[in-house]
Amino acid sequence: PILAQSSVKILMDLSSVLIATPDRPHYSFTQHDLAKIFHGMQAHPGLCTSAVSVAHLWLFNCNTTFMRRLVNQEDGSMCQRIIGRALDMMQQHVGTSEPWPLHARAAGFPAFLCVKQH
């Protein structure tokens, strides 16, 4: 449930801050965006074998779902902060000693995807 809670938190926060306008109608964040995040995760079930690898894939899907439609650096920074707070919430919940994914605020557009470890 922490993935769902974190994803909904991002959706709600983005919807309240980055509001659709006539010149930015694509800033309409909906439950369809949540479906994209989880569909992306379900497409590669064998890639993620730990809580950290699931967090990597989740973060990648959040970034590709939300960040790609933003039009300027200010909006991108706001989105990174929102995703970063959700990632912090997940990390506190999981409580793992494994290295955690690069933080969205520090990483910008992370260029990683979790890979199956041999």
C-alpha atoms as a PDB file:
ATOM      1  CA  PRO A   1       0.000   0.000   0.000  1.00  0.00           C
ATOM      2  CA  ILE A   2       2.911   2.426   0.448  1.00  0.00           C
ATOM      3  CA  LEU A   3       3.443   2.590  -3.332  1.00  0.00           C
ATOM      4  CA  ALA A   4      -0.214   3.420  -3.869  1.00  0.00           C
ATOM      5  CA  GLN A   5      -0.269   5.954  -1.029  1.00  0.00           C
ATOM      6  CA  SER A   6       2.889   7.656  -2.289  1.00  0.00           C
ATOM      7  CA  SER A   7       1.599   7.737  -5.861  1.00  0.00           C
ATOM      8  CA  VAL A   8      -1.753   9.218  -4.817  1.00  0.00           C
ATOM      9  CA  LYS A   9       0.090  11.800  -2.697  1.00  0.00           C
ATOM     10  CA  ILE A  10       2.101  12.874  -5.746  1.00  0.00           C
ATOM     11  CA  LEU A  11      -1.038  13.075  -7.863  1.00  0.00           C
ATOM     12  CA  MET A  12      -2.905  15.159  -5.294  1.00  0.00           C
ATOM     13  CA  ASP A  13       0.024  17.496  -4.657  1.00  0.00           C
ATOM     14  CA  LEU A  14       0.696  18.037  -8.361  1.00  0.00           C
ATOM     15  CA  SER A  15      -3.001  18.630  -9.017  1.00  0.00           C
ATOM     16  CA  SER A  16      -3.098  21.350  -6.377  1.00  0.00           C
ATOM     17  CA  VAL A  17       0.098  23.111  -7.473  1.00  0.00           C
ATOM     18  CA  LEU A  18       0.421  22.628 -11.229  1.00  0.00           C
ATOM     19  CA  ILE A  19      -3.043  23.535 -12.434  1.00  0.00           C
ATOM     20  CA  ALA A  20      -4.204  23.180 -16.029  1.00  0.00           C
ATOM     21  CA  THR A  21      -4.649  26.477 -17.853  1.00  0.00           C
ATOM     22  CA  PRO A  22      -5.663  27.289 -21.440  1.00  0.00           C
ATOM     23  CA  ASP A  23      -1.988  27.432 -22.441  1.00  0.00           C
ATOM     24  CA  ARG A  24      -1.153  24.277 -20.427  1.00  0.00           C
ATOM     25  CA  PRO A  25      -4.129  21.933 -20.762  1.00  0.00           C
ATOM     26  CA  HIS A  26      -1.802  18.942 -20.445  1.00  0.00           C
ATOM     27  CA  TYR A  27      -1.296  19.839 -16.767  1.00  0.00           C
ATOM     28  CA  SER A  28      -4.410  17.872 -15.926  1.00  0.00           C
ATOM     29  CA  PHE A  29      -3.258  15.077 -13.602  1.00  0.00           C
ATOM     30  CA  THR A  30      -5.727  12.219 -13.217  1.00  0.00           C
ATOM     31  CA  GLN A  31      -6.066   8.641 -12.070  1.00  0.00           C
ATOM     32  CA  HIS A  32      -4.951   7.677 -15.560  1.00  0.00           C
ATOM     33  CA  ASP A  33      -1.468   8.824 -14.518  1.00  0.00           C
ATOM     34  CA  LEU A  34      -1.548   6.392 -11.603  1.00  0.00           C
ATOM     35  CA  ALA A  35      -2.456   3.630 -14.012  1.00  0.00           C
ATOM     36  CA  LYS A  36       0.573   4.522 -16.154  1.00  0.00           C
ATOM     37  CA  ILE A  37       2.891   4.254 -13.152  1.00  0.00           C
ATOM     38  CA  PHE A  38       1.634   0.840 -12.114  1.00  0.00           C
ATOM     39  CA  HIS A  39       1.301  -0.459 -15.648  1.00  0.00           C
ATOM     40  CA  GLY A  40       4.972   0.358 -16.159  1.00  0.00           C
ATOM     41  CA  MET A  41       5.843  -1.554 -13.018  1.00  0.00           C
ATOM     42  CA  GLN A  42       3.745  -4.571 -13.980  1.00  0.00           C
ATOM     43  CA  ALA A  43       5.397  -4.706 -17.387  1.00  0.00           C
ATOM     44  CA  HIS A  44       8.686  -5.795 -15.778  1.00  0.00           C
ATOM     45  CA  PRO A  45       7.887  -7.903 -12.706  1.00  0.00           C
ATOM     46  CA  GLY A  46      11.112  -9.897 -12.874  1.00  0.00           C
ATOM     47  CA  LEU A  47      13.342  -6.835 -12.722  1.00  0.00           C
ATOM     48  CA  CYS A  48      12.586  -5.930  -9.148  1.00  0.00           C
ATOM     49  CA  THR A  49      13.722  -8.306  -6.481  1.00  0.00           C
ATOM     50  CA  SER A  50      13.981  -6.026  -3.448  1.00  0.00           C
ATOM     51  CA  ALA A  51      12.302  -2.990  -1.922  1.00  0.00           C
ATOM     52  CA  VAL A  52      15.064  -0.783  -3.287  1.00  0.00           C
ATOM     53  CA  SER A  53      14.753  -2.084  -6.835  1.00  0.00           C
ATOM     54  CA  VAL A  54      10.982  -1.588  -6.674  1.00  0.00           C
ATOM     55  CA  ALA A  55      11.605   1.990  -5.503  1.00  0.00           C
ATOM     56  CA  HIS A  56      13.972   2.537  -8.438  1.00  0.00           C
ATOM     57  CA  LEU A  57      11.359   1.392 -10.938  1.00  0.00           C
ATOM     58  CA  TRP A  58       8.597   3.349  -9.202  1.00  0.00           C
ATOM     59  CA  LEU A  59      10.703   6.527  -9.239  1.00  0.00           C
ATOM     60  CA  PHE A  60      11.529   6.018 -12.913  1.00  0.00           C
ATOM     61  CA  ASN A  61       7.832   5.585 -13.751  1.00  0.00           C
ATOM     62  CA  CYS A  62       6.812   8.629 -11.696  1.00  0.00           C
ATOM     63  CA  ASN A  63       9.386  10.758 -13.472  1.00  0.00           C
ATOM     64  CA  THR A  64       8.426   9.577 -16.936  1.00  0.00           C
ATOM     65  CA  THR A  65       4.714   9.933 -16.205  1.00  0.00           C
ATOM     66  CA  PHE A  66       4.759  13.402 -14.673  1.00  0.00           C
ATOM     67  CA  MET A  67       7.982  15.152 -15.658  1.00  0.00           C
ATOM     68  CA  ARG A  68       7.709  14.670 -19.417  1.00  0.00           C
ATOM     69  CA  ARG A  69       4.749  16.994 -19.799  1.00  0.00           C
ATOM     70  CA  LEU A  70       6.150  19.940 -17.828  1.00  0.00           C
ATOM     71  CA  VAL A  71       7.154  22.968 -19.863  1.00  0.00           C
ATOM     72  CA  ASN A  72       9.708  24.830 -17.764  1.00  0.00           C
ATOM     73  CA  GLN A  73      12.403  24.362 -15.137  1.00  0.00           C
ATOM     74  CA  GLU A  74      10.327  25.929 -12.367  1.00  0.00           C
ATOM     75  CA  ASP A  75       7.520  23.409 -12.848  1.00  0.00           C
ATOM     76  CA  GLY A  76      10.078  20.609 -13.154  1.00  0.00           C
ATOM     77  CA  SER A  77      11.698  21.623  -9.868  1.00  0.00           C
ATOM     78  CA  MET A  78       8.311  21.703  -8.147  1.00  0.00           C
ATOM     79  CA  CYS A  79       7.501  18.226  -9.470  1.00  0.00           C
ATOM     80  CA  GLN A  80      10.904  16.919  -8.337  1.00  0.00           C
ATOM     81  CA  ARG A  81      10.290  18.233  -4.821  1.00  0.00           C
ATOM     82  CA  ILE A  82       6.865  16.584  -4.692  1.00  0.00           C
ATOM     83  CA  ILE A  83       8.201  13.254  -5.949  1.00  0.00           C
ATOM     84  CA  GLY A  84      11.154  13.573  -3.568  1.00  0.00           C
ATOM     85  CA  ARG A  85       8.852  13.967  -0.561  1.00  0.00           C
ATOM     86  CA  ALA A  86       6.928  10.865  -1.609  1.00  0.00           C
ATOM     87  CA  LEU A  87      10.194   8.958  -2.004  1.00  0.00           C
ATOM     88  CA  ASP A  88      11.216  10.046   1.503  1.00  0.00           C
ATOM     89  CA  MET A  89       7.878   8.768   2.816  1.00  0.00           C
ATOM     90  CA  MET A  90       8.487   5.414   1.144  1.00  0.00           C
ATOM     91  CA  GLN A  91      12.004   5.150   2.533  1.00  0.00           C
ATOM     92  CA  GLN A  92      10.790   5.790   6.071  1.00  0.00           C
ATOM     93  CA  HIS A  93       8.113   3.146   5.674  1.00  0.00           C
ATOM     94  CA  VAL A  94      10.419   0.494   4.212  1.00  0.00           C
ATOM     95  CA  GLY A  95      13.271   1.112   6.649  1.00  0.00           C
ATOM     96  CA  THR A  96      15.919  -0.743   4.654  1.00  0.00           C
ATOM     97  CA  SER A  97      19.667  -0.507   5.043  1.00  0.00           C
ATOM     98  CA  GLU A  98      20.218  -0.930   1.289  1.00  0.00           C
ATOM     99  CA  PRO A  99      21.308   2.151  -0.641  1.00  0.00           C
ATOM    100  CA  TRP A 100      18.159   3.994  -1.642  1.00  0.00           C
ATOM    101  CA  PRO A 101      17.474   5.380  -5.154  1.00  0.00           C
ATOM    102  CA  LEU A 102      18.902   8.722  -6.044  1.00  0.00           C
ATOM    103  CA  HIS A 103      16.642  11.347  -4.647  1.00  0.00           C
ATOM    104  CA  ALA A 104      14.512  13.047  -7.279  1.00  0.00           C
ATOM    105  CA  ARG A 105      15.507  16.473  -5.983  1.00  0.00           C
ATOM    106  CA  ALA A 106      19.217  15.772  -6.343  1.00  0.00           C
ATOM    107  CA  ALA A 107      19.100  13.611  -9.433  1.00  0.00           C
ATOM    108  CA  GLY A 108      16.997  15.739 -11.713  1.00  0.00           C
ATOM    109  CA  PHE A 109      15.882  13.349 -14.403  1.00  0.00           C
ATOM    110  CA  PRO A 110      17.262  10.007 -13.183  1.00  0.00           C
ATOM    111  CA  ALA A 111      18.629   7.908 -16.011  1.00  0.00           C
ATOM    112  CA  PHE A 112      18.327   4.566 -14.291  1.00  0.00           C
ATOM    113  CA  LEU A 113      16.106   1.561 -14.426  1.00  0.00           C
ATOM    114  CA  CYS A 114      16.330  -1.257 -11.955  1.00  0.00           C
ATOM    115  CA  VAL A 115      18.080  -4.299 -13.306  1.00  0.00           C
ATOM    116  CA  LYS A 116      17.897  -7.865 -12.202  1.00  0.00           C
ATOM    117  CA  GLN A 117      20.936  -8.733 -10.116  1.00  0.00           C
ATOM    118  CA  HIS A 118      22.631 -12.060 -10.742  1.00  0.00           C
END
